[in-house]
N, C-alpha and C. Protein backbone atom coordinates (compact mmCIF):
# COMPACT_ATOMS: atom_id res chain seq x y z
N MET A 1 0.37 12.24 7.58
CA MET A 1 -0.34 10.93 7.50
C MET A 1 -1.26 10.72 8.54
N ASP A 2 -2.48 10.81 8.02
CA ASP A 2 -3.00 10.53 9.55
C ASP A 2 -4.29 8.96 9.63
N GLY A 3 -3.79 8.17 8.24
CA GLY A 3 -4.38 6.91 8.18
C GLY A 3 -5.83 7.48 7.66
N HIS A 4 -6.29 8.36 7.77
CA HIS A 4 -7.51 8.54 6.80
C HIS A 4 -7.80 9.25 5.86
N GLU A 5 -6.57 8.66 4.69
CA GLU A 5 -6.59 9.05 3.66
C GLU A 5 -7.29 8.50 3.25
N ASN A 6 -7.62 9.68 1.77
CA ASN A 6 -8.88 9.36 0.74
C ASN A 6 -8.07 8.67 -0.31
N HIS A 7 -8.17 7.39 -1.07
CA HIS A 7 -7.39 6.61 -1.86
C HIS A 7 -8.26 6.48 -3.18
N GLU A 8 -9.47 6.99 -3.37
CA GLU A 8 -10.68 6.54 -4.25
C GLU A 8 -9.73 7.72 -5.55
N ILE A 9 -9.82 7.03 -6.46
CA ILE A 9 -9.51 7.44 -8.20
C ILE A 9 -10.70 7.21 -8.81
N SER A 10 -11.01 8.01 -10.28
CA SER A 10 -12.14 7.86 -11.03
C SER A 10 -11.91 7.02 -11.39
N LEU A 11 -13.42 6.75 -11.70
CA LEU A 11 -12.90 5.53 -12.91
C LEU A 11 -12.33 5.57 -14.24
N ASN A 12 -12.56 6.67 -14.84
CA ASN A 12 -11.44 6.76 -15.86
C ASN A 12 -10.19 6.93 -15.30
N ASP A 13 -9.52 7.39 -14.37
CA ASP A 13 -8.21 7.20 -13.80
C ASP A 13 -8.00 5.70 -14.31
N ALA A 14 -8.67 5.27 -13.47
CA ALA A 14 -8.44 3.17 -12.95
C ALA A 14 -8.76 2.91 -14.41
N ALA A 15 -9.54 3.36 -15.28
CA ALA A 15 -9.39 2.30 -16.52
C ALA A 15 -8.16 2.77 -17.10
N ALA A 16 -7.83 3.97 -17.22
CA ALA A 16 -6.12 4.03 -17.80
C ALA A 16 -5.22 3.80 -16.97
N PHE A 17 -5.01 3.30 -16.11
CA PHE A 17 -4.57 2.87 -15.24
C PHE A 17 -3.88 0.88 -15.71
N THR A 18 -4.62 0.43 -16.15
CA THR A 18 -4.89 -0.96 -16.08
C THR A 18 -4.97 -1.29 -17.58
N ALA A 19 -5.27 -0.01 -18.09
CA ALA A 19 -5.02 -0.29 -19.67
C ALA A 19 -3.30 -0.38 -19.75
N ARG A 20 -3.29 0.49 -19.55
CA ARG A 20 -1.46 0.91 -19.34
C ARG A 20 -0.36 -0.02 -19.15
N TYR A 21 -0.81 -0.89 -17.71
CA TYR A 21 -0.22 -1.89 -17.45
C TYR A 21 -0.12 -3.06 -18.53
N ARG A 22 -1.87 -3.48 -18.49
CA ARG A 22 -2.24 -4.38 -19.51
C ARG A 22 -1.01 -4.47 -21.04
N GLN A 23 -0.99 -2.97 -22.21
CA GLN A 23 -0.18 -2.62 -22.70
C GLN A 23 1.48 -2.92 -22.72
N HIS A 24 1.85 -2.58 -20.87
CA HIS A 24 3.68 -2.83 -21.31
C HIS A 24 3.75 -4.04 -20.62
N MET A 25 3.34 -5.00 -19.56
CA MET A 25 3.41 -5.75 -19.30
C MET A 25 3.81 -7.33 -19.74
N GLY A 26 4.56 -8.07 -19.82
CA GLY A 26 5.08 -8.71 -20.53
C GLY A 26 4.99 -10.05 -19.84
N SER A 27 4.49 -11.19 -20.63
CA SER A 27 4.30 -12.06 -19.98
C SER A 27 4.52 -12.99 -19.41
N ASP A 28 6.20 -12.96 -18.61
CA ASP A 28 6.82 -13.12 -17.86
C ASP A 28 7.01 -12.12 -16.74
N GLN A 29 5.97 -10.83 -16.42
CA GLN A 29 6.11 -10.47 -15.30
C GLN A 29 5.06 -10.76 -14.26
N VAL A 30 5.40 -10.10 -13.07
CA VAL A 30 4.38 -10.69 -11.96
C VAL A 30 2.73 -9.81 -12.66
N LYS A 31 1.26 -10.39 -12.41
CA LYS A 31 0.67 -10.27 -12.35
C LYS A 31 -0.61 -9.51 -11.14
N GLY A 32 0.22 -9.97 -9.67
CA GLY A 32 -0.46 -9.81 -8.95
C GLY A 32 0.53 -9.79 -7.51
N GLY A 33 0.53 -9.56 -6.07
CA GLY A 33 0.90 -10.06 -4.97
C GLY A 33 0.15 -10.32 -3.82
N PHE A 34 1.07 -11.02 -3.02
CA PHE A 34 0.30 -11.49 -1.73
C PHE A 34 1.21 -10.47 -0.03
N PHE A 35 0.62 -10.11 0.53
CA PHE A 35 1.02 -9.61 1.81
C PHE A 35 0.65 -10.22 2.81
N GLY A 36 0.75 -11.00 3.34
CA GLY A 36 0.22 -11.80 4.61
C GLY A 36 -0.11 -11.16 6.07
N ARG A 37 -1.62 -11.55 6.57
CA ARG A 37 -1.62 -11.09 8.11
C ARG A 37 -0.65 -10.55 8.80
N ASP A 38 0.49 -11.75 8.58
CA ASP A 38 1.25 -11.09 9.76
C ASP A 38 2.55 -9.94 9.47
N ALA A 39 2.87 -9.69 8.36
CA ALA A 39 3.56 -9.03 7.59
C ALA A 39 2.81 -7.76 7.55
N LEU A 40 1.15 -7.48 7.24
CA LEU A 40 0.43 -6.35 7.49
C LEU A 40 0.88 -5.98 9.09
N ILE A 41 0.61 -6.77 9.96
CA ILE A 41 0.76 -6.58 11.45
C ILE A 41 2.04 -5.83 11.59
N ALA A 42 3.30 -7.00 11.01
CA ALA A 42 4.03 -6.07 11.37
C ALA A 42 4.53 -4.42 10.83
N ILE A 43 4.14 -4.27 10.40
CA ILE A 43 4.24 -3.13 9.33
C ILE A 43 3.22 -1.66 9.85
N LEU A 44 2.07 -2.72 10.48
CA LEU A 44 0.71 -1.19 11.01
C LEU A 44 1.98 -1.16 12.56
N ASP A 45 2.40 -1.98 12.86
CA ASP A 45 2.83 -2.18 14.74
C ASP A 45 4.24 -1.33 14.30
N GLN A 46 4.64 -0.85 13.15
CA GLN A 46 5.76 -0.14 13.48
C GLN A 46 5.39 1.46 13.80
N ARG A 47 4.34 1.67 13.26
CA ARG A 47 4.18 3.38 13.85
C ARG A 47 3.96 2.93 15.31
N LYS A 48 3.12 2.20 15.57
CA LYS A 48 2.79 2.24 17.26
C LYS A 48 4.29 2.31 18.26
N LEU A 49 4.83 1.72 17.95
CA LEU A 49 6.19 1.47 18.33
C LEU A 49 6.48 2.85 17.99
N TYR A 50 6.71 3.50 16.96
CA TYR A 50 7.50 4.84 16.98
C TYR A 50 6.66 5.97 17.26
N TRP A 51 5.47 6.25 18.13
CA TRP A 51 4.66 6.42 19.09
C TRP A 51 5.41 6.57 20.47
N HIS A 52 5.31 5.09 20.82
CA HIS A 52 6.18 4.64 21.79
C HIS A 52 7.12 5.21 22.18
N SER A 53 8.09 5.26 21.20
CA SER A 53 9.71 5.37 21.43
C SER A 53 9.46 7.46 21.75
N LEU A 54 9.03 8.03 21.49
CA LEU A 54 8.51 9.47 21.23
C LEU A 54 8.20 9.55 22.49
N LEU A 55 7.33 8.85 23.12
CA LEU A 55 6.66 8.92 24.57
C LEU A 55 7.54 8.86 25.98
N LEU A 56 8.36 8.26 25.44
CA LEU A 56 9.27 7.19 26.32
C LEU A 56 10.43 8.30 26.64
N TRP A 57 11.10 9.10 25.47
CA TRP A 57 11.87 10.49 25.00
C TRP A 57 11.53 11.66 25.92
N THR A 58 10.22 11.71 25.97
CA THR A 58 9.59 12.72 26.39
C THR A 58 9.70 13.51 27.39
């Protein structure tokens, strides 16, 4: 993966995914989630650390 992957889906696929989710979710299931900025940056920074470590060992 290079960070430029296409994440588009068709409207029909999106409608099917959300319909299936609504049909199978219970009243006690989580309906959404949130990742704060710091968590997202930490995830993204892992890639920088990985490539930096490769450069140090070559």
